[in-house]
């Protein structure tokens, strides 16, 4: 955006009353959040470590043996 357009927009915003400026700010924040979320890519690595507290005090051998026993009915 050319500097003159930017300055014109800022000038227009300054001419608004406080209520309208706040309303504009809220609408712009919503628009920016939507655009930011639209472009956000996620990685499977973000899940690393999630739920690890569930397994902290678990004896792995006992858990595996219990699961294997359940297979046989």
N, C-alpha and C. Protein backbone atom coordinates (compact mmCIF):
# COMPACT_ATOMS: atom_id res chain seq x y z
N UNK A 1 0.85 -1.18 0.00
CA UNK A 1 0.00 0.00 0.00
C UNK A 1 0.90 1.24 0.00
N UNK A 2 0.65 2.12 -0.91
CA UNK A 2 1.45 3.35 -0.95
C UNK A 2 1.28 4.17 0.34
N UNK A 3 2.34 4.87 0.68
CA UNK A 3 2.36 5.67 1.91
C UNK A 3 1.19 6.65 1.97
N UNK A 4 0.84 7.24 0.84
CA UNK A 4 -0.26 8.23 0.83
C UNK A 4 -1.59 7.58 1.19
N UNK A 5 -1.85 6.35 0.71
CA UNK A 5 -3.07 5.63 1.07
C UNK A 5 -3.09 5.34 2.57
N UNK A 6 -1.96 4.87 3.08
CA UNK A 6 -1.84 4.55 4.50
C UNK A 6 -2.12 5.79 5.34
N UNK A 7 -1.48 6.89 5.01
CA UNK A 7 -1.68 8.13 5.76
C UNK A 7 -3.12 8.61 5.68
N UNK A 8 -3.74 8.43 4.52
CA UNK A 8 -5.15 8.82 4.36
C UNK A 8 -6.04 7.98 5.29
N UNK A 9 -5.77 6.67 5.34
CA UNK A 9 -6.56 5.78 6.20
C UNK A 9 -6.38 6.17 7.66
N UNK A 10 -5.15 6.43 8.08
CA UNK A 10 -4.89 6.83 9.46
C UNK A 10 -5.63 8.14 9.76
N UNK A 11 -5.61 9.06 8.85
CA UNK A 11 -6.31 10.33 9.03
C UNK A 11 -7.81 10.11 9.20
N UNK A 12 -8.36 9.23 8.39
CA UNK A 12 -9.79 8.92 8.48
C UNK A 12 -10.12 8.28 9.84
N UNK A 13 -9.28 7.38 10.29
CA UNK A 13 -9.50 6.72 11.58
C UNK A 13 -9.46 7.74 12.71
N UNK A 14 -8.52 8.65 12.66
CA UNK A 14 -8.42 9.69 13.68
C UNK A 14 -9.65 10.58 13.72
N UNK A 15 -10.33 10.71 12.60
CA UNK A 15 -11.52 11.57 12.56
C UNK A 15 -12.76 10.88 13.15
N UNK A 16 -12.68 9.56 13.37
CA UNK A 16 -13.81 8.84 13.96
C UNK A 16 -13.89 9.13 15.45
N UNK A 17 -15.11 9.00 16.00
CA UNK A 17 -15.21 9.14 17.46
C UNK A 17 -14.68 7.87 18.11
N UNK A 18 -14.45 7.93 19.41
CA UNK A 18 -13.82 6.82 20.13
C UNK A 18 -14.60 5.52 19.97
N UNK A 19 -15.90 5.59 20.06
CA UNK A 19 -16.74 4.39 19.93
C UNK A 19 -16.55 3.72 18.56
N UNK A 20 -16.52 4.52 17.51
CA UNK A 20 -16.32 3.97 16.17
C UNK A 20 -14.90 3.43 15.99
N UNK A 21 -13.93 4.09 16.60
CA UNK A 21 -12.54 3.59 16.53
C UNK A 21 -12.43 2.23 17.20
N UNK A 22 -13.08 2.08 18.36
CA UNK A 22 -13.04 0.79 19.08
C UNK A 22 -13.75 -0.30 18.29
N UNK A 23 -14.88 0.07 17.67
CA UNK A 23 -15.61 -0.90 16.85
C UNK A 23 -14.76 -1.34 15.66
N UNK A 24 -14.09 -0.39 15.03
CA UNK A 24 -13.21 -0.71 13.91
C UNK A 24 -12.06 -1.61 14.37
N UNK A 25 -11.51 -1.30 15.53
CA UNK A 25 -10.41 -2.11 16.07
C UNK A 25 -10.85 -3.55 16.29
N UNK A 26 -12.04 -3.74 16.86
CA UNK A 26 -12.56 -5.10 17.09
C UNK A 26 -12.76 -5.85 15.78
N UNK A 27 -13.30 -5.16 14.78
CA UNK A 27 -13.52 -5.81 13.48
C UNK A 27 -12.19 -6.18 12.82
N UNK A 28 -11.22 -5.29 12.91
CA UNK A 28 -9.91 -5.56 12.32
C UNK A 28 -9.23 -6.73 13.04
N UNK A 29 -9.34 -6.78 14.37
CA UNK A 29 -8.75 -7.89 15.13
C UNK A 29 -9.37 -9.22 14.72
N UNK A 30 -10.68 -9.23 14.55
CA UNK A 30 -11.37 -10.45 14.12
C UNK A 30 -10.90 -10.88 12.73
N UNK A 31 -10.81 -9.93 11.83
CA UNK A 31 -10.35 -10.21 10.47
C UNK A 31 -8.92 -10.75 10.46
N UNK A 32 -8.06 -10.15 11.23
CA UNK A 32 -6.66 -10.59 11.29
C UNK A 32 -6.56 -11.98 11.88
N UNK A 33 -7.33 -12.26 12.95
CA UNK A 33 -7.30 -13.60 13.55
C UNK A 33 -7.76 -14.66 12.56
N UNK A 34 -8.83 -14.37 11.82
CA UNK A 34 -9.34 -15.33 10.83
C UNK A 34 -8.29 -15.60 9.76
N UNK A 35 -7.65 -14.56 9.27
CA UNK A 35 -6.61 -14.73 8.25
C UNK A 35 -5.42 -15.48 8.80
N UNK A 36 -5.04 -15.21 10.03
CA UNK A 36 -3.88 -15.88 10.64
C UNK A 36 -4.17 -17.37 10.81
N UNK A 37 -5.39 -17.70 11.26
CA UNK A 37 -5.75 -19.10 11.47
C UNK A 37 -5.89 -19.85 10.16
N UNK A 38 -6.31 -19.17 9.12
CA UNK A 38 -6.49 -19.78 7.81
C UNK A 38 -5.15 -20.27 7.25
N UNK A 39 -4.10 -19.51 7.51
CA UNK A 39 -2.79 -19.82 6.94
C UNK A 39 -1.91 -20.66 7.87
N UNK A 40 -2.41 -20.97 9.04
CA UNK A 40 -1.59 -21.70 10.01
C UNK A 40 -1.57 -23.19 9.68
N UNK A 41 -0.39 -23.73 9.53
CA UNK A 41 -0.23 -25.16 9.31
C UNK A 41 0.18 -25.81 10.63
N UNK A 42 -0.28 -27.02 10.87
CA UNK A 42 0.06 -27.73 12.09
C UNK A 42 0.98 -28.90 11.77
N UNK A 43 1.75 -29.25 12.73
CA UNK A 43 2.66 -30.38 12.59
C UNK A 43 2.28 -31.45 13.61
N UNK A 44 2.46 -32.69 13.24
CA UNK A 44 2.21 -33.80 14.16
C UNK A 44 3.12 -33.69 15.37
N UNK A 45 4.26 -33.02 15.20
CA UNK A 45 5.21 -32.87 16.31
C UNK A 45 4.66 -31.99 17.43
N UNK A 46 3.61 -31.21 17.16
CA UNK A 46 2.99 -30.40 18.20
C UNK A 46 2.36 -31.28 19.29
N UNK A 47 2.09 -32.54 18.97
CA UNK A 47 1.47 -33.45 19.92
C UNK A 47 2.48 -34.13 20.84
N UNK A 48 3.76 -33.94 20.56
CA UNK A 48 4.80 -34.59 21.35
C UNK A 48 4.66 -34.23 22.83
N UNK A 49 4.63 -35.25 23.67
CA UNK A 49 4.57 -35.04 25.11
C UNK A 49 3.17 -34.87 25.67
N UNK A 50 2.16 -34.77 24.81
CA UNK A 50 0.79 -34.60 25.30
C UNK A 50 0.35 -35.90 25.98
N UNK A 51 -0.18 -35.79 27.16
CA UNK A 51 -0.70 -36.94 27.88
C UNK A 51 0.36 -37.78 28.56
N UNK A 52 1.61 -37.33 28.55
CA UNK A 52 2.66 -38.17 29.15
C UNK A 52 2.44 -38.38 30.64
N UNK A 53 1.74 -37.45 31.29
CA UNK A 53 1.48 -37.59 32.72
C UNK A 53 0.61 -38.82 33.01
N UNK A 54 -0.15 -39.27 32.04
CA UNK A 54 -1.01 -40.45 32.20
C UNK A 54 -0.17 -41.70 32.42
N UNK A 55 1.00 -41.73 31.79
CA UNK A 55 1.83 -42.92 31.79
C UNK A 55 2.97 -42.85 32.82
N UNK A 56 3.13 -41.76 33.53
CA UNK A 56 4.29 -41.55 34.40
C UNK A 56 4.48 -42.65 35.45
N UNK A 57 3.44 -42.99 36.17
CA UNK A 57 3.58 -43.94 37.28
C UNK A 57 3.18 -45.35 36.88
N UNK A 58 3.18 -45.63 35.60
CA UNK A 58 2.74 -46.93 35.12
C UNK A 58 3.93 -47.87 34.95
N UNK A 59 3.78 -49.09 35.46
CA UNK A 59 4.79 -50.11 35.25
C UNK A 59 4.52 -50.73 33.87
N UNK A 60 5.43 -50.51 32.94
CA UNK A 60 5.21 -50.91 31.55
C UNK A 60 5.04 -52.41 31.42
N UNK A 61 5.89 -53.19 32.08
CA UNK A 61 5.80 -54.66 31.97
C UNK A 61 4.45 -55.16 32.47
N UNK A 62 4.00 -54.65 33.60
CA UNK A 62 2.70 -55.07 34.15
C UNK A 62 1.57 -54.70 33.19
N UNK A 63 1.65 -53.51 32.63
CA UNK A 63 0.61 -53.05 31.70
C UNK A 63 0.56 -53.96 30.47
N UNK A 64 1.71 -54.26 29.89
CA UNK A 64 1.76 -55.11 28.70
C UNK A 64 1.25 -56.51 29.02
N UNK A 65 1.68 -57.06 30.14
CA UNK A 65 1.23 -58.40 30.52
C UNK A 65 -0.28 -58.43 30.73
N UNK A 66 -0.83 -57.41 31.37
CA UNK A 66 -2.28 -57.34 31.58
C UNK A 66 -3.02 -57.27 30.25
N UNK A 67 -2.52 -56.48 29.32
CA UNK A 67 -3.13 -56.37 28.00
C UNK A 67 -3.07 -57.71 27.26
N UNK A 68 -1.94 -58.38 27.33
CA UNK A 68 -1.80 -59.67 26.64
C UNK A 68 -2.75 -60.70 27.22
N UNK A 69 -2.92 -60.68 28.52
CA UNK A 69 -3.85 -61.62 29.18
C UNK A 69 -5.28 -61.38 28.72
N UNK A 70 -5.62 -60.11 28.48
CA UNK A 70 -7.00 -59.79 28.08
C UNK A 70 -7.30 -60.30 26.66
N UNK A 71 -6.28 -60.52 25.85
CA UNK A 71 -6.48 -61.02 24.49
C UNK A 71 -7.04 -62.44 24.49
N UNK A 72 -6.66 -63.22 25.49
CA UNK A 72 -7.03 -64.62 25.55
C UNK A 72 -8.38 -64.84 26.20
N UNK A 73 -9.02 -63.78 26.59
CA UNK A 73 -10.37 -63.89 27.17
C UNK A 73 -10.30 -64.19 28.59
